[in-house]
Amino acid sequence: MAEEEGATEEAEAARRLFAGPIRFELGAPRLDILPPADLPEVAFAGRSNVGKSSLLNALTGRAGLARTSNTPGRTQELNLFLVGEPPVLRLVDMPGYGYAEAPHDVVARWTRLVGRYLSGRPSLRRVLLLIDSRHGLKPADREVMAALDRAAVSYQLVLTKADKVKNPGAVQALVAEHSRRHPAAHPEVLVTSSARGLGMAELRQAVRGAALGEAPGRGPADSSA
């Protein structure tokens, strides 16, 4: 009973947090213009058409917080959002990867920016790696997972667009089986749908817990559990 009450309290705390003030802070095409690493940060990563902006908007309950576009690869910088007033954490919208039609120099610039942020940002608590439920893990996703393992950055897989598949649970099981082979991956795979609001409560709890209740993202915070 106490465990259930604790879970309910955590869910309510997460709901209140994301119902409060949230605002765009800045877009950073370079690391030298990032703000001081004075708040815990949770970053969102994924392929360019995975629905990252839509998920951020659904998570925060604000339709226009993150810009959405039908053109993959629109986000070309680190977009930072402050949560709470006074702010208690940052959300970081990272440039999408795996967009083959982007110019080579643009892709290279994105890769350097993201790599340096992931390996050198002391306030980063976790990366939420978004996976399209319709396609499962693609080679680009596996490469990013391996890179996060090498950098010892804690990350958690989040399935998007679950409303577009008949059996999201089966996709979740397959992705979870693969993620268990990766030392920096969180054991729980979340299932979401921005269109239907599926999984938003669980995602809010995951973000709040990673930012405020667990160790920094230099390796899985729960690895000693």
C-alpha atoms as a PDB file:
ATOM      1  CA  MET A   1       0.000   0.000   0.000  1.00  0.00           C
ATOM      2  CA  ALA A   2       2.809   2.418   0.902  1.00  0.00           C
ATOM      3  CA  GLU A   3       4.488   1.659  -2.427  1.00  0.00           C
ATOM      4  CA  GLU A   4       1.263   2.454  -4.304  1.00  0.00           C
ATOM      5  CA  GLU A   5       0.838   5.696  -2.383  1.00  0.00           C
ATOM      6  CA  GLY A   6       4.423   6.646  -3.198  1.00  0.00           C
ATOM      7  CA  ALA A   7       3.873   5.977  -6.890  1.00  0.00           C
ATOM      8  CA  THR A   8       0.714   8.096  -6.821  1.00  0.00           C
ATOM      9  CA  GLU A   9       2.564  10.944  -5.135  1.00  0.00           C
ATOM     10  CA  GLU A  10       5.321  10.801  -7.748  1.00  0.00           C
ATOM     11  CA  ALA A  11       2.771  10.877 -10.557  1.00  0.00           C
ATOM     12  CA  GLU A  12       1.020  13.878  -9.031  1.00  0.00           C
ATOM     13  CA  ALA A  13       4.316  15.698  -8.484  1.00  0.00           C
ATOM     14  CA  ALA A  14       5.240  15.114 -12.129  1.00  0.00           C
ATOM     15  CA  ARG A  15       1.808  16.310 -13.291  1.00  0.00           C
ATOM     16  CA  ARG A  16       2.101  19.507 -11.253  1.00  0.00           C
ATOM     17  CA  LEU A  17       5.615  20.158 -12.509  1.00  0.00           C
ATOM     18  CA  PHE A  18       4.633  20.023 -16.170  1.00  0.00           C
ATOM     19  CA  ALA A  19       1.387  21.909 -15.583  1.00  0.00           C
ATOM     20  CA  GLY A  20       3.454  24.832 -14.306  1.00  0.00           C
ATOM     21  CA  PRO A  21       5.569  27.369 -16.175  1.00  0.00           C
ATOM     22  CA  ILE A  22       7.668  26.060 -19.077  1.00  0.00           C
ATOM     23  CA  ARG A  23       9.426  28.356 -21.502  1.00  0.00           C
ATOM     24  CA  PHE A  24      11.898  28.321 -24.356  1.00  0.00           C
ATOM     25  CA  GLU A  25      15.328  29.428 -23.127  1.00  0.00           C
ATOM     26  CA  LEU A  26      17.537  29.497 -26.219  1.00  0.00           C
ATOM     27  CA  GLY A  27      18.705  27.665 -29.329  1.00  0.00           C
ATOM     28  CA  ALA A  28      22.381  26.809 -29.314  1.00  0.00           C
ATOM     29  CA  PRO A  29      24.154  26.041 -32.616  1.00  0.00           C
ATOM     30  CA  ARG A  30      27.430  25.944 -30.653  1.00  0.00           C
ATOM     31  CA  LEU A  31      28.354  24.713 -27.183  1.00  0.00           C
ATOM     32  CA  ASP A  32      30.023  27.963 -26.198  1.00  0.00           C
ATOM     33  CA  ILE A  33      26.667  29.755 -26.047  1.00  0.00           C
ATOM     34  CA  LEU A  34      25.006  27.178 -23.804  1.00  0.00           C
ATOM     35  CA  PRO A  35      23.941  28.516 -20.398  1.00  0.00           C
ATOM     36  CA  PRO A  36      25.893  27.428 -17.305  1.00  0.00           C
ATOM     37  CA  ALA A  37      25.327  23.770 -16.347  1.00  0.00           C
ATOM     38  CA  ASP A  38      23.438  24.860 -13.237  1.00  0.00           C
ATOM     39  CA  LEU A  39      20.267  22.791 -13.684  1.00  0.00           C
ATOM     40  CA  PRO A  40      19.721  19.060 -14.291  1.00  0.00           C
ATOM     41  CA  GLU A  41      19.040  18.364 -17.962  1.00  0.00           C
ATOM     42  CA  VAL A  42      17.119  15.646 -19.785  1.00  0.00           C
ATOM     43  CA  ALA A  43      17.783  15.470 -23.529  1.00  0.00           C
ATOM     44  CA  PHE A  44      15.515  14.126 -26.269  1.00  0.00           C
ATOM     45  CA  ALA A  45      17.162  12.417 -29.250  1.00  0.00           C
ATOM     46  CA  GLY A  46      15.897  10.446 -32.228  1.00  0.00           C
ATOM     47  CA  ARG A  47      15.729  10.141 -35.980  1.00  0.00           C
ATOM     48  CA  SER A  48      14.594  13.235 -37.800  1.00  0.00           C
ATOM     49  CA  ASN A  49      11.050  11.950 -38.442  1.00  0.00           C
ATOM     50  CA  VAL A  50      10.455  10.189 -35.115  1.00  0.00           C
ATOM     51  CA  GLY A  51       7.991  12.780 -33.798  1.00  0.00           C
ATOM     52  CA  LYS A  52      10.284  14.424 -31.251  1.00  0.00           C
ATOM     53  CA  SER A  53       8.720  17.900 -31.364  1.00  0.00           C
ATOM     54  CA  SER A  54       5.205  16.476 -31.143  1.00  0.00           C
ATOM     55  CA  LEU A  55       6.238  14.397 -28.125  1.00  0.00           C
ATOM     56  CA  LEU A  56       7.740  17.418 -26.367  1.00  0.00           C
ATOM     57  CA  ASN A  57       4.541  19.373 -26.984  1.00  0.00           C
ATOM     58  CA  ALA A  58       2.395  16.523 -25.651  1.00  0.00           C
ATOM     59  CA  LEU A  59       4.675  16.028 -22.648  1.00  0.00           C
ATOM     60  CA  THR A  60       4.388  19.673 -21.653  1.00  0.00           C
ATOM     61  CA  GLY A  61       0.767  20.135 -22.707  1.00  0.00           C
ATOM     62  CA  ARG A  62       1.744  23.074 -24.914  1.00  0.00           C
ATOM     63  CA  ALA A  63       0.952  22.759 -28.595  1.00  0.00           C
ATOM     64  CA  GLY A  64       3.526  25.255 -29.824  1.00  0.00           C
ATOM     65  CA  LEU A  65       6.436  24.812 -27.425  1.00  0.00           C
ATOM     66  CA  ALA A  66       8.608  22.813 -29.826  1.00  0.00           C
ATOM     67  CA  ARG A  67       8.314  23.589 -33.516  1.00  0.00           C
ATOM     68  CA  THR A  68       6.925  20.769 -35.628  1.00  0.00           C
ATOM     69  CA  SER A  69       7.448  20.432 -39.350  1.00  0.00           C
ATOM     70  CA  ASN A  70       6.715  18.027 -42.171  1.00  0.00           C
ATOM     71  CA  THR A  71      10.322  18.531 -43.270  1.00  0.00           C
ATOM     72  CA  PRO A  72      12.702  16.169 -41.436  1.00  0.00           C
ATOM     73  CA  GLY A  73      15.858  17.718 -40.061  1.00  0.00           C
ATOM     74  CA  ARG A  74      14.412  21.134 -39.251  1.00  0.00           C
ATOM     75  CA  THR A  75      15.954  21.202 -35.766  1.00  0.00           C
ATOM     76  CA  GLN A  76      19.617  22.028 -36.394  1.00  0.00           C
ATOM     77  CA  GLU A  77      20.654  23.185 -32.933  1.00  0.00           C
ATOM     78  CA  LEU A  78      20.216  22.312 -29.278  1.00  0.00           C
ATOM     79  CA  ASN A  79      16.921  23.868 -28.176  1.00  0.00           C
ATOM     80  CA  LEU A  80      16.659  24.355 -24.419  1.00  0.00           C
ATOM     81  CA  PHE A  81      13.482  24.744 -22.364  1.00  0.00           C
ATOM     82  CA  LEU A  82      13.203  25.735 -18.701  1.00  0.00           C
ATOM     83  CA  VAL A  83      10.716  23.831 -16.539  1.00  0.00           C
ATOM     84  CA  GLY A  84       9.349  25.428 -13.381  1.00  0.00           C
ATOM     85  CA  GLU A  85       9.452  28.919 -11.876  1.00  0.00           C
ATOM     86  CA  PRO A  86      12.021  29.250 -10.548  1.00  0.00           C
ATOM     87  CA  PRO A  87      13.392  26.672 -13.022  1.00  0.00           C
ATOM     88  CA  VAL A  88      14.187  23.225 -11.609  1.00  0.00           C
ATOM     89  CA  LEU A  89      15.314  21.438 -14.791  1.00  0.00           C
ATOM     90  CA  ARG A  90      15.962  21.846 -18.501  1.00  0.00           C
ATOM     91  CA  LEU A  91      14.601  19.887 -21.442  1.00  0.00           C
ATOM     92  CA  VAL A  92      17.013  19.706 -24.375  1.00  0.00           C
ATOM     93  CA  ASP A  93      15.663  19.079 -27.872  1.00  0.00           C
ATOM     94  CA  MET A  94      18.578  17.651 -29.829  1.00  0.00           C
ATOM     95  CA  PRO A  95      19.022  17.704 -33.607  1.00  0.00           C
ATOM     96  CA  GLY A  96      17.586  14.647 -35.321  1.00  0.00           C
ATOM     97  CA  TYR A  97      19.906  12.073 -36.875  1.00  0.00           C
ATOM     98  CA  GLY A  98      19.706   9.748 -39.829  1.00  0.00           C
ATOM     99  CA  TYR A  99      18.334  12.281 -42.299  1.00  0.00           C
ATOM    100  CA  ALA A 100      20.031  11.126 -45.498  1.00  0.00           C
ATOM    101  CA  GLU A 101      19.017  14.146 -47.617  1.00  0.00           C
ATOM    102  CA  ALA A 102      20.720  16.699 -45.359  1.00  0.00           C
ATOM    103  CA  PRO A 103      23.951  18.149 -46.818  1.00  0.00           C
ATOM    104  CA  HIS A 104      27.066  16.351 -45.638  1.00  0.00           C
ATOM    105  CA  ASP A 105      28.551  19.409 -43.939  1.00  0.00           C
ATOM    106  CA  VAL A 106      25.309  19.991 -42.030  1.00  0.00           C
ATOM    107  CA  VAL A 107      25.258  16.382 -40.839  1.00  0.00           C
ATOM    108  CA  ALA A 108      28.889  16.624 -39.770  1.00  0.00           C
ATOM    109  CA  ARG A 109      28.197  19.822 -37.840  1.00  0.00           C
ATOM    110  CA  TRP A 110      25.196  18.231 -36.089  1.00  0.00           C
ATOM    111  CA  THR A 111      27.284  15.178 -35.211  1.00  0.00           C
ATOM    112  CA  ARG A 112      30.047  17.255 -33.639  1.00  0.00           C
ATOM    113  CA  LEU A 113      27.590  19.408 -31.686  1.00  0.00           C
ATOM    114  CA  VAL A 114      25.658  16.454 -30.297  1.00  0.00           C
ATOM    115  CA  GLY A 115      28.754  14.395 -29.516  1.00  0.00           C
ATOM    116  CA  ARG A 116      30.436  17.192 -27.614  1.00  0.00           C
ATOM    117  CA  TYR A 117      27.273  17.974 -25.679  1.00  0.00           C
ATOM    118  CA  LEU A 118      26.727  14.348 -24.677  1.00  0.00           C
ATOM    119  CA  SER A 119      30.300  13.735 -23.592  1.00  0.00           C
ATOM    120  CA  GLY A 120      30.976  17.035 -21.892  1.00  0.00           C
ATOM    121  CA  ARG A 121      27.810  18.370 -20.241  1.00  0.00           C
ATOM    122  CA  PRO A 122      28.053  17.674 -16.480  1.00  0.00           C
ATOM    123  CA  SER A 123      24.399  18.546 -15.834  1.00  0.00           C
ATOM    124  CA  LEU A 124      23.051  15.922 -18.262  1.00  0.00           C
ATOM    125  CA  ARG A 125      21.079  13.354 -16.301  1.00  0.00           C
ATOM    126  CA  ARG A 126      19.597  11.204 -19.055  1.00  0.00           C
ATOM    127  CA  VAL A 127      18.960  10.978 -22.778  1.00  0.00           C
ATOM    128  CA  LEU A 128      15.523   9.833 -23.886  1.00  0.00           C
ATOM    129  CA  LEU A 129      16.129   8.039 -27.177  1.00  0.00           C
ATOM    130  CA  LEU A 130      12.942   8.045 -29.268  1.00  0.00           C
ATOM    131  CA  ILE A 131      12.143   5.076 -31.509  1.00  0.00           C
ATOM    132  CA  ASP A 132       9.319   5.014 -34.066  1.00  0.00           C
ATOM    133  CA  SER A 133       6.975   2.151 -33.134  1.00  0.00           C
ATOM    134  CA  ARG A 134       6.243   1.517 -36.807  1.00  0.00           C
ATOM    135  CA  HIS A 135       9.863   0.706 -37.623  1.00  0.00           C
ATOM    136  CA  GLY A 136      11.522  -0.419 -34.390  1.00  0.00           C
ATOM    137  CA  LEU A 137      15.275  -0.079 -34.034  1.00  0.00           C
ATOM    138  CA  LYS A 138      17.021   1.074 -37.207  1.00  0.00           C
ATOM    139  CA  PRO A 139      20.782   0.849 -37.811  1.00  0.00           C
ATOM    140  CA  ALA A 140      21.145   4.554 -36.987  1.00  0.00           C
ATOM    141  CA  ASP A 141      19.439   3.981 -33.631  1.00  0.00           C
ATOM    142  CA  ARG A 142      21.771   1.103 -32.832  1.00  0.00           C
ATOM    143  CA  GLU A 143      24.767   3.269 -33.670  1.00  0.00           C
ATOM    144  CA  VAL A 144      23.557   5.988 -31.306  1.00  0.00           C
ATOM    145  CA  MET A 145      22.979   3.434 -28.546  1.00  0.00           C
ATOM    146  CA  ALA A 146      26.515   2.127 -28.976  1.00  0.00           C
ATOM    147  CA  ALA A 147      27.878   5.680 -28.876  1.00  0.00           C
ATOM    148  CA  LEU A 148      25.963   6.426 -25.668  1.00  0.00           C
ATOM    149  CA  ASP A 149      27.317   3.207 -24.148  1.00  0.00           C
ATOM    150  CA  ARG A 150      30.870   4.264 -25.007  1.00  0.00           C
ATOM    151  CA  ALA A 151      30.306   7.716 -23.511  1.00  0.00           C
ATOM    152  CA  ALA A 152      28.695   6.152 -20.396  1.00  0.00           C
ATOM    153  CA  VAL A 153      25.646   8.404 -20.777  1.00  0.00           C
ATOM    154  CA  SER A 154      22.484   7.010 -19.204  1.00  0.00           C
ATOM    155  CA  TYR A 155      19.628   6.715 -21.709  1.00  0.00           C
ATOM    156  CA  GLN A 156      16.111   5.324 -21.925  1.00  0.00           C
ATOM    157  CA  LEU A 157      14.250   4.160 -25.030  1.00  0.00           C
ATOM    158  CA  VAL A 158      10.844   5.702 -25.716  1.00  0.00           C
ATOM    159  CA  LEU A 159       8.570   4.335 -28.440  1.00  0.00           C
ATOM    160  CA  THR A 160       6.620   7.023 -30.333  1.00  0.00           C
ATOM    161  CA  LYS A 161       3.533   6.843 -32.571  1.00  0.00           C
ATOM    162  CA  ALA A 162       2.210   3.738 -30.779  1.00  0.00           C
ATOM    163  CA  ASP A 163      -1.294   4.533 -32.059  1.00  0.00           C
ATOM    164  CA  LYS A 164      -0.113   3.648 -35.564  1.00  0.00           C
ATOM    165  CA  VAL A 165       0.733  -0.007 -34.850  1.00  0.00           C
ATOM    166  CA  LYS A 166      -1.600  -2.884 -34.042  1.00  0.00           C
ATOM    167  CA  ASN A 167       0.458  -4.381 -31.222  1.00  0.00           C
ATOM    168  CA  PRO A 168       2.763  -1.822 -29.571  1.00  0.00           C
ATOM    169  CA  GLY A 169       3.408  -4.277 -26.749  1.00  0.00           C
ATOM    170  CA  ALA A 170       5.153  -6.655 -29.129  1.00  0.00           C
ATOM    171  CA  VAL A 171       7.368  -3.833 -30.422  1.00  0.00           C
ATOM    172  CA  GLN A 172       8.106  -2.834 -26.834  1.00  0.00           C
ATOM    173  CA  ALA A 173       9.173  -6.382 -25.967  1.00  0.00           C
ATOM    174  CA  LEU A 174      11.527  -6.631 -28.949  1.00  0.00           C
ATOM    175  CA  VAL A 175      13.114  -3.243 -28.266  1.00  0.00           C
ATOM    176  CA  ALA A 176      13.447  -4.024 -24.559  1.00  0.00           C
ATOM    177  CA  GLU A 177      15.169  -7.320 -25.334  1.00  0.00           C
ATOM    178  CA  HIS A 178      17.754  -5.503 -27.426  1.00  0.00           C
ATOM    179  CA  SER A 179      18.232  -2.693 -24.918  1.00  0.00           C
ATOM    180  CA  ARG A 180      19.147  -5.181 -22.193  1.00  0.00           C
ATOM    181  CA  ARG A 181      22.391  -5.846 -24.076  1.00  0.00           C
ATOM    182  CA  HIS A 182      23.457  -2.222 -23.617  1.00  0.00           C
ATOM    183  CA  PRO A 183      25.114  -1.262 -20.331  1.00  0.00           C
ATOM    184  CA  ALA A 184      24.016   2.394 -20.312  1.00  0.00           C
ATOM    185  CA  ALA A 185      20.369   1.707 -21.221  1.00  0.00           C
ATOM    186  CA  HIS A 186      17.609   2.062 -18.637  1.00  0.00           C
ATOM    187  CA  PRO A 187      15.755  -1.264 -18.315  1.00  0.00           C
ATOM    188  CA  GLU A 188      12.240   0.149 -18.888  1.00  0.00           C
ATOM    189  CA  VAL A 189      11.068   0.996 -22.420  1.00  0.00           C
ATOM    190  CA  LEU A 190       8.227   3.541 -22.479  1.00  0.00           C
ATOM    191  CA  VAL A 191       5.374   3.444 -25.003  1.00  0.00           C
ATOM    192  CA  THR A 192       3.836   6.746 -26.116  1.00  0.00           C
ATOM    193  CA  SER A 193       1.504   8.361 -28.596  1.00  0.00           C
ATOM    194  CA  SER A 194       1.519  12.139 -28.880  1.00  0.00           C
ATOM    195  CA  ALA A 195      -1.726  12.077 -30.855  1.00  0.00           C
ATOM    196  CA  ARG A 196      -3.645  10.196 -28.144  1.00  0.00           C
ATOM    197  CA  GLY A 197      -1.715  11.217 -25.046  1.00  0.00           C
ATOM    198  CA  LEU A 198      -0.690   7.615 -24.406  1.00  0.00           C
ATOM    199  CA  GLY A 199       2.159   7.230 -21.931  1.00  0.00           C
ATOM    200  CA  MET A 200       2.491  10.938 -21.129  1.00  0.00           C
ATOM    201  CA  ALA A 201       2.022  10.466 -17.372  1.00  0.00           C
ATOM    202  CA  GLU A 202       4.737   7.793 -17.320  1.00  0.00           C
ATOM    203  CA  LEU A 203       7.021   9.957 -19.460  1.00  0.00           C
ATOM    204  CA  ARG A 204       6.587  12.941 -17.130  1.00  0.00           C
ATOM    205  CA  GLN A 205       7.504  10.753 -14.176  1.00  0.00           C
ATOM    206  CA  ALA A 206      10.548   9.412 -16.014  1.00  0.00           C
ATOM    207  CA  VAL A 207      11.779  12.915 -16.854  1.00  0.00           C
ATOM    208  CA  ARG A 208      11.210  14.243 -13.351  1.00  0.00           C
ATOM    209  CA  GLY A 209      12.766  11.174 -11.746  1.00  0.00           C
ATOM    210  CA  ALA A 210      15.840  11.256 -13.964  1.00  0.00           C
ATOM    211  CA  ALA A 211      16.375  14.983 -13.443  1.00  0.00           C
ATOM    212  CA  LEU A 212      15.611  15.341  -9.756  1.00  0.00           C
ATOM    213  CA  GLY A 213      15.828  11.943  -8.145  1.00  0.00           C
ATOM    214  CA  GLU A 214      18.722  10.015  -9.677  1.00  0.00           C
ATOM    215  CA  ALA A 215      22.434  10.309 -10.257  1.00  0.00           C
ATOM    216  CA  PRO A 216      23.925  12.270 -13.201  1.00  0.00           C
ATOM    217  CA  GLY A 217      24.030  10.678 -16.650  1.00  0.00           C
ATOM    218  CA  ARG A 218      27.612   9.463 -16.629  1.00  0.00           C
ATOM    219  CA  GLY A 219      26.347   5.876 -16.620  1.00  0.00           C
ATOM    220  CA  PRO A 220      23.001   4.299 -15.591  1.00  0.00           C
ATOM    221  CA  ALA A 221      21.754   5.804 -12.355  1.00  0.00           C
ATOM    222  CA  ASP A 222      20.023   2.577 -11.423  1.00  0.00           C
ATOM    223  CA  SER A 223      22.863   0.194 -12.235  1.00  0.00           C
ATOM    224  CA  SER A 224      23.505  -0.487  -8.558  1.00  0.00           C
ATOM    225  CA  ALA A 225      19.896  -1.332  -7.791  1.00  0.00           C
END
